[in-house]
Amino acid sequence: MNFNSIFKEEIVSYINYKKSNGYSFKSEIEKLKNLDKYLVENNIKEKKLTKELVISFIDSHKARSKTVTLASYASLIRQFAIYLCRIEIDAYIIPINYYSAKRNFIPYIYTDNEIKSIFTTIKEKYSNNNIRKKKQVYLIFKLLFGTGMRISEVLNLKCKNINYVKNSLKIEDTKNNCDRLIIVSDNLIKELQDYNKEYNNGFEYFFENRINTKYTVGDFYSIFRKIIFKAKIMHFDNGPRVHDIRHTFAVNSYRNAIKKGFDINNYVVTLGVYMGHKTVCSTYKYLHLTIEYYPNLKEKIGNIITLEKEIDYEDL
C-alpha cells in the first residue's frame, strides 16, 4: 500500500487495525487512497483533519457519485477521524446523518421474456468467433440468474471452491465478510464441470480472460451492455443493471415459493442465508417488492411477519 500524504502513516495504521479486527476493507482502501491523493493535491501539510477539509473532500465526489456513495465516504472518514482522535490527532468527526444514504431507488426486475431473450442473444449473436468467451459469458449469466450471486462473487469464484459431487459453490470474501455455500442444480453443475474440463488448465479463478487473469466487474459490465442492447432491452439511467439480476432472482424465488404454497416466514430465513444477507429485514424487503410486481400473489401469502425498516437495495 503506497500512500504519500501527511497522514500516510496513520492511514496504513488504520487499515491494519481494521484488518486485524476481521474486516476485508477492500473498497475502503480505495476510498482512503482517494483521500490521500486529495491531501497531496491540495498541499495539506498540517496533520489535522478539519471540518472544512472533510466536507470539501466528500463534496469533491458529488459530480460523479451517487448519494449512497457520498454517504459511504462520510461513514469511512468519520470512523477514520474517530481513530485519529484516539491516537491524539485533532480530527473533525462528521455527524452520522450528515450525508443521507436514503433514496427512492426501485430495482429493475427482468421479465421472463427478457431473461429468455438474453440467453438467446448470447447463443446466437455474441462472440461467435471466440467460443471460450461465449461459454464464459453464458455461464456467468446462468450463475447470476440461477443463484442470485453478486457479480463480484461470480468473478471471484475459484476452481478449488466448486464441488461437483455435492453440487456446491463455496463463496469466499463476500460483501458482508461471511463465507457461504450455494447449492446449484444438476444441469448447472454439469455445465460448469464440462467447461472446466475443456478450458481450465490449472487456473486459480474459474473465469479467466485470454491473458489468464480474472475479469473485473468493469469488464463484465461492458459485455453486459452489449448483450442487453442486442437483446433489445431498453437501458435507462436507473437500469437495468447487472445487480438487478440479483433482485430478479429474489423476486422470482418468492414468486415460485408462494405458488408452491411454502411457509413464507420460514422461506424468508432460508432465502436470506442463501443470498448472504446480514439480517432478515433485507430479505423481507424483497417480499414486499414481489407483491408490488405480482399483486395477484398477495392473497396466497396469508399472515406474514412484517418488519418495517428502511433498506437500501444497493446493500442487498
Protein backbone atom coordinates (compact mmCIF):
# COMPACT_ATOMS: atom_id res chain seq x y z
CA MET A 1 0.00 0.00 0.00
CA ASN A 2 1.58 3.23 -1.17
CA PHE A 3 0.40 6.47 0.48
CA ASN A 4 2.11 9.85 0.18
CA SER A 5 0.19 12.43 2.21
CA ILE A 6 0.80 13.89 5.66
CA PHE A 7 -1.49 11.15 7.02
CA LYS A 8 0.24 8.25 5.20
CA GLU A 9 1.41 6.51 8.38
CA GLU A 10 -1.95 6.90 10.10
CA ILE A 11 -3.84 5.59 7.06
CA VAL A 12 -1.70 2.45 6.91
CA SER A 13 -2.02 2.01 10.67
CA TYR A 14 -5.81 2.39 10.46
CA ILE A 15 -6.07 -0.17 7.63
CA ASN A 16 -4.01 -2.68 9.59
CA TYR A 17 -6.16 -2.03 12.66
CA LYS A 18 -9.39 -2.74 10.75
CA LYS A 19 -7.97 -5.86 9.10
CA SER A 20 -6.79 -7.18 12.46
CA ASN A 21 -10.42 -6.96 13.57
CA GLY A 22 -11.62 -9.16 10.71
CA TYR A 23 -12.64 -6.57 8.08
CA SER A 24 -11.64 -7.20 4.44
CA PHE A 25 -11.64 -3.42 3.89
CA LYS A 26 -11.10 -3.55 0.11
CA SER A 27 -13.42 -0.79 -1.07
CA GLU A 28 -12.47 1.33 1.95
CA ILE A 29 -8.80 1.18 0.99
CA GLU A 30 -9.65 2.64 -2.43
CA LYS A 31 -11.52 5.49 -0.74
CA LEU A 32 -8.57 6.12 1.59
CA LYS A 33 -6.29 6.24 -1.46
CA ASN A 34 -8.56 8.94 -2.84
CA LEU A 35 -8.30 10.83 0.45
CA ASP A 36 -4.52 10.50 0.37
CA LYS A 37 -4.42 11.80 -3.21
CA TYR A 38 -6.72 14.70 -2.31
CA LEU A 39 -4.48 15.71 0.58
CA VAL A 40 -1.41 15.69 -1.65
CA GLU A 41 -3.09 17.62 -4.47
CA ASN A 42 -4.28 20.28 -2.03
CA ASN A 43 -0.85 20.52 -0.41
CA ILE A 44 -2.08 19.74 3.10
CA LYS A 45 0.97 19.94 5.39
CA GLU A 46 -0.62 20.14 8.84
CA LYS A 47 -1.58 16.85 10.50
CA LYS A 48 -5.08 17.98 11.33
CA LEU A 49 -8.39 16.83 9.82
CA THR A 50 -10.53 19.96 9.90
CA LYS A 51 -14.24 20.22 9.26
CA GLU A 52 -13.60 22.25 6.11
CA LEU A 53 -11.18 19.64 4.80
CA VAL A 54 -13.53 16.72 5.48
CA ILE A 55 -16.53 18.39 3.85
CA SER A 56 -14.58 19.61 0.83
CA PHE A 57 -13.12 16.13 0.25
CA ILE A 58 -16.50 14.41 0.34
CA ASP A 59 -18.15 17.14 -1.74
CA SER A 60 -15.42 16.75 -4.37
CA HIS A 61 -17.13 13.48 -5.35
CA LYS A 62 -20.59 14.97 -5.83
CA ALA A 63 -20.34 15.43 -9.58
CA ARG A 64 -19.59 11.76 -10.32
CA SER A 65 -21.04 9.90 -7.32
CA LYS A 66 -24.48 8.80 -6.15
CA THR A 67 -25.89 9.88 -2.81
CA VAL A 68 -25.20 6.48 -1.31
CA THR A 69 -21.53 6.77 -2.35
CA LEU A 70 -21.18 10.13 -0.62
CA ALA A 71 -22.72 8.62 2.49
CA SER A 72 -20.22 5.75 2.37
CA TYR A 73 -17.33 8.22 2.11
CA ALA A 74 -18.71 10.16 5.07
CA SER A 75 -19.03 6.98 7.13
CA LEU A 76 -15.45 5.94 6.38
CA ILE A 77 -13.96 9.37 7.09
CA ARG A 78 -15.98 9.54 10.31
CA GLN A 79 -14.50 6.24 11.51
CA PHE A 80 -11.02 7.31 10.46
CA ALA A 81 -11.45 10.58 12.38
CA ILE A 82 -12.52 8.66 15.49
CA TYR A 83 -9.36 6.57 15.14
CA LEU A 84 -7.22 9.69 14.79
CA CYS A 85 -8.74 11.21 17.92
CA ARG A 86 -7.93 8.02 19.83
CA ILE A 87 -4.25 8.45 18.96
CA GLU A 88 -4.48 12.13 19.93
CA ILE A 89 -4.57 13.70 16.47
CA ASP A 90 -7.05 16.55 16.00
CA ALA A 91 -9.81 15.41 13.64
CA TYR A 92 -13.36 16.52 12.89
CA ILE A 93 -15.92 13.73 13.42
CA ILE A 94 -18.68 14.27 10.89
CA PRO A 95 -22.21 13.56 12.26
CA ILE A 96 -23.70 10.18 11.33
CA ASN A 97 -26.53 11.53 9.14
CA TYR A 98 -24.69 14.48 7.60
CA TYR A 99 -24.98 12.78 4.20
CA SER A 100 -28.16 10.75 3.87
CA ALA A 101 -27.97 7.42 2.03
CA LYS A 102 -31.74 7.12 1.63
CA ARG A 103 -33.00 7.06 -1.95
CA ASN A 104 -36.20 6.29 -3.81
CA PHE A 105 -34.46 3.74 -5.98
CA ILE A 106 -36.58 0.80 -7.15
CA PRO A 107 -34.80 -2.20 -8.69
CA TYR A 108 -35.43 -3.26 -12.27
CA ILE A 109 -36.97 -6.74 -12.40
CA TYR A 110 -36.32 -8.62 -15.64
CA THR A 111 -39.37 -10.26 -17.18
CA ASP A 112 -39.35 -13.93 -18.15
CA ASN A 113 -39.26 -12.91 -21.81
CA GLU A 114 -36.29 -10.60 -21.24
CA ILE A 115 -34.36 -13.37 -19.49
CA LYS A 116 -35.09 -15.71 -22.39
CA SER A 117 -34.01 -13.01 -24.84
CA ILE A 118 -30.68 -12.52 -23.04
CA PHE A 119 -29.75 -16.20 -23.33
CA THR A 120 -30.94 -16.38 -26.93
CA THR A 121 -28.76 -13.37 -27.74
CA ILE A 122 -25.70 -14.96 -26.14
CA LYS A 123 -26.21 -18.18 -28.09
CA GLU A 124 -27.00 -16.61 -31.46
CA LYS A 125 -25.36 -13.19 -31.61
CA TYR A 126 -22.47 -12.94 -29.14
CA SER A 127 -18.79 -13.62 -29.86
CA ASN A 128 -19.22 -16.46 -32.32
CA ASN A 129 -15.51 -16.22 -33.20
CA ASN A 130 -14.46 -16.85 -29.58
CA ILE A 131 -16.22 -19.98 -28.32
CA ARG A 132 -14.49 -19.98 -24.94
CA LYS A 133 -15.58 -16.43 -24.15
CA LYS A 134 -19.08 -17.16 -25.41
CA LYS A 135 -19.34 -20.09 -22.98
CA GLN A 136 -17.91 -17.98 -20.15
CA VAL A 137 -20.50 -15.25 -20.64
CA TYR A 138 -23.29 -17.82 -20.91
CA LEU A 139 -22.25 -19.49 -17.64
CA ILE A 140 -21.79 -16.18 -15.82
CA PHE A 141 -25.34 -15.16 -16.72
CA LYS A 142 -26.53 -18.66 -15.79
CA LEU A 143 -24.98 -18.27 -12.33
CA LEU A 144 -26.35 -14.75 -11.88
CA PHE A 145 -29.92 -15.62 -12.82
CA GLY A 146 -29.84 -19.08 -11.25
CA THR A 147 -28.25 -18.31 -7.89
CA GLY A 148 -28.64 -14.57 -7.21
CA MET A 149 -24.90 -14.25 -6.62
CA ARG A 150 -23.35 -10.81 -6.83
CA ILE A 151 -21.29 -10.30 -9.98
CA SER A 152 -18.16 -9.84 -7.86
CA GLU A 153 -18.84 -13.22 -6.23
CA VAL A 154 -19.16 -14.93 -9.61
CA LEU A 155 -15.97 -13.38 -10.97
CA ASN A 156 -14.07 -14.23 -7.76
CA LEU A 157 -15.20 -17.86 -7.86
CA LYS A 158 -12.16 -20.16 -7.62
CA CYS A 159 -11.84 -23.56 -9.29
CA LYS A 160 -10.98 -25.21 -5.98
CA ASN A 161 -14.25 -23.99 -4.44
CA ILE A 162 -16.56 -25.90 -6.77
CA ASN A 163 -17.65 -29.32 -5.53
CA TYR A 164 -19.05 -31.25 -8.50
CA VAL A 165 -20.17 -34.16 -6.32
CA LYS A 166 -22.17 -32.10 -3.82
CA ASN A 167 -23.37 -29.51 -6.39
CA SER A 168 -21.96 -26.73 -4.21
CA LEU A 169 -20.05 -23.49 -4.67
CA LYS A 170 -18.09 -22.01 -1.79
CA ILE A 171 -18.33 -18.23 -1.91
CA GLU A 172 -15.45 -16.51 -0.13
CA ASP A 173 -14.65 -12.92 0.81
CA THR A 174 -18.23 -11.70 0.30
CA LYS A 175 -19.60 -8.21 0.72
CA ASN A 176 -20.68 -8.96 4.31
CA ASN A 177 -17.42 -10.77 5.18
CA CYS A 178 -19.18 -14.11 5.58
CA ASP A 179 -18.33 -17.19 3.51
CA ARG A 180 -21.29 -19.30 2.40
CA LEU A 181 -22.21 -22.37 0.39
CA ILE A 182 -24.52 -22.21 -2.61
CA ILE A 183 -26.22 -25.33 -3.93
CA VAL A 184 -26.87 -25.38 -7.68
CA SER A 185 -28.94 -27.60 -9.98
CA ASP A 186 -27.69 -30.81 -11.57
CA ASN A 187 -27.81 -29.22 -15.02
CA LEU A 188 -25.79 -26.18 -14.00
CA ILE A 189 -23.12 -28.16 -12.15
CA LYS A 190 -22.78 -30.40 -15.23
CA GLU A 191 -22.31 -27.35 -17.47
CA LEU A 192 -19.68 -25.94 -15.09
CA GLN A 193 -17.88 -29.29 -14.98
CA ASP A 194 -17.86 -29.64 -18.77
CA TYR A 195 -16.46 -26.13 -19.19
CA ASN A 196 -13.84 -26.76 -16.50
CA LYS A 197 -12.60 -29.93 -18.23
CA GLU A 198 -12.41 -28.25 -21.62
CA TYR A 199 -10.92 -24.86 -20.81
CA ASN A 200 -9.46 -24.55 -17.30
CA ASN A 201 -5.85 -25.63 -17.13
CA GLY A 202 -4.61 -25.16 -13.59
CA PHE A 203 -6.30 -21.77 -13.33
CA GLU A 204 -7.00 -20.20 -9.94
CA TYR A 205 -10.22 -18.48 -10.95
CA PHE A 206 -12.97 -20.31 -12.79
CA PHE A 207 -13.48 -17.48 -15.29
CA GLU A 208 -10.18 -16.14 -16.61
CA ASN A 209 -9.65 -13.99 -19.69
CA ARG A 210 -7.25 -14.51 -22.59
CA ILE A 211 -4.26 -13.29 -20.51
CA ASN A 212 -5.23 -15.65 -17.67
CA THR A 213 -6.41 -13.09 -15.15
CA LYS A 214 -9.91 -12.85 -13.75
CA TYR A 215 -12.43 -10.49 -15.29
CA THR A 216 -13.14 -7.26 -13.45
CA VAL A 217 -16.65 -6.03 -12.74
CA GLY A 218 -15.98 -3.25 -15.25
CA ASP A 219 -15.01 -5.81 -17.91
CA PHE A 220 -18.25 -7.68 -17.45
CA TYR A 221 -20.37 -4.52 -17.38
CA SER A 222 -19.14 -3.70 -20.90
CA ILE A 223 -20.13 -7.20 -22.02
CA PHE A 224 -23.50 -6.85 -20.27
CA ARG A 225 -24.34 -3.58 -22.04
CA LYS A 226 -23.60 -5.11 -25.47
CA ILE A 227 -25.81 -8.10 -24.75
CA ILE A 228 -28.85 -6.21 -23.48
CA PHE A 229 -28.55 -3.87 -26.48
CA LYS A 230 -28.58 -6.84 -28.88
CA ALA A 231 -31.42 -8.38 -26.86
CA LYS A 232 -33.38 -5.14 -27.46
CA ILE A 233 -33.82 -4.42 -23.76
CA MET A 234 -34.07 -0.67 -23.25
CA HIS A 235 -31.46 0.87 -20.94
CA PHE A 236 -32.34 3.90 -18.81
CA ASP A 237 -30.45 5.91 -16.19
CA ASN A 238 -31.71 3.62 -13.42
CA GLY A 239 -31.21 0.34 -15.23
CA PRO A 240 -31.42 -2.40 -16.00
CA ARG A 241 -28.07 -3.12 -14.37
CA VAL A 242 -26.11 -6.30 -13.70
CA HIS A 243 -27.04 -6.10 -10.00
CA ASP A 244 -30.73 -6.09 -10.92
CA ILE A 245 -30.31 -9.76 -11.85
CA ARG A 246 -29.82 -10.44 -8.13
CA HIS A 247 -33.02 -8.54 -7.35
CA THR A 248 -34.82 -10.52 -10.06
CA PHE A 249 -33.61 -13.81 -8.59
CA ALA A 250 -35.00 -12.90 -5.16
CA VAL A 251 -38.38 -11.80 -6.52
CA ASN A 252 -38.71 -14.91 -8.69
CA SER A 253 -37.70 -17.11 -5.74
CA TYR A 254 -40.55 -15.65 -3.69
CA ARG A 255 -42.95 -15.95 -6.62
CA ASN A 256 -42.19 -19.65 -7.01
CA ALA A 257 -42.33 -20.30 -3.25
CA ILE A 258 -45.71 -18.58 -2.95
CA LYS A 259 -47.13 -20.52 -5.89
CA LYS A 260 -45.95 -23.78 -4.32
CA GLY A 261 -47.58 -22.92 -1.00
CA PHE A 262 -44.39 -22.71 1.07
CA ASP A 263 -44.45 -21.22 4.57
CA ILE A 264 -43.14 -17.76 3.70
CA ASN A 265 -41.90 -16.89 7.20
CA ASN A 266 -39.62 -19.94 7.09
CA TYR A 267 -38.69 -19.34 3.46
CA VAL A 268 -37.53 -15.79 4.23
CA VAL A 269 -34.85 -17.14 6.54
CA THR A 270 -33.73 -19.79 4.05
CA LEU A 271 -33.52 -17.32 1.18
CA GLY A 272 -31.67 -14.78 3.32
CA VAL A 273 -28.98 -17.29 4.25
CA TYR A 274 -28.67 -18.46 0.63
CA MET A 275 -28.20 -14.90 -0.64
CA GLY A 276 -25.84 -13.87 2.15
CA HIS A 277 -27.99 -11.15 3.74
CA LYS A 278 -26.90 -9.75 7.09
CA THR A 279 -30.41 -9.52 8.50
CA VAL A 280 -33.85 -10.96 7.79
CA CYS A 281 -35.08 -7.38 7.27
CA SER A 282 -33.19 -7.27 3.99
CA THR A 283 -34.85 -10.44 2.72
CA TYR A 284 -38.31 -9.25 3.72
CA LYS A 285 -37.76 -6.18 1.55
CA TYR A 286 -37.85 -8.46 -1.49
CA LEU A 287 -41.14 -9.96 -0.35
CA HIS A 288 -42.75 -6.52 -0.48
CA LEU A 289 -41.18 -5.97 -3.90
CA THR A 290 -42.59 -9.30 -5.11
CA ILE A 291 -46.10 -8.28 -4.09
CA GLU A 292 -45.65 -4.96 -5.93
CA TYR A 293 -44.73 -6.77 -9.15
CA TYR A 294 -47.19 -9.65 -8.71
CA PRO A 295 -50.14 -8.26 -6.70
CA ASN A 296 -52.24 -11.33 -7.53
CA LEU A 297 -49.99 -13.36 -5.19
CA LYS A 298 -50.78 -11.29 -2.11
CA GLU A 299 -53.90 -13.24 -1.14
CA LYS A 300 -51.95 -16.52 -1.28
CA ILE A 301 -49.43 -15.44 1.34
CA GLY A 302 -51.73 -15.22 4.34
CA ASN A 303 -50.33 -13.82 7.54
CA ILE A 304 -46.67 -12.89 7.34
CA ILE A 305 -44.32 -11.15 9.70
CA THR A 306 -43.72 -7.58 8.58
CA LEU A 307 -40.53 -5.84 9.55
CA GLU A 308 -40.67 -2.20 8.58
CA LYS A 309 -37.15 -0.91 8.13
CA GLU A 310 -35.51 1.33 5.57
CA ILE A 311 -33.37 -0.90 3.37
CA ASP A 312 -31.20 0.36 0.51
CA TYR A 313 -31.40 -2.11 -2.36
CA GLU A 314 -27.79 -1.33 -3.17
CA ASP A 315 -26.81 -3.07 0.08
CA LEU A 316 -28.58 -6.30 -0.84
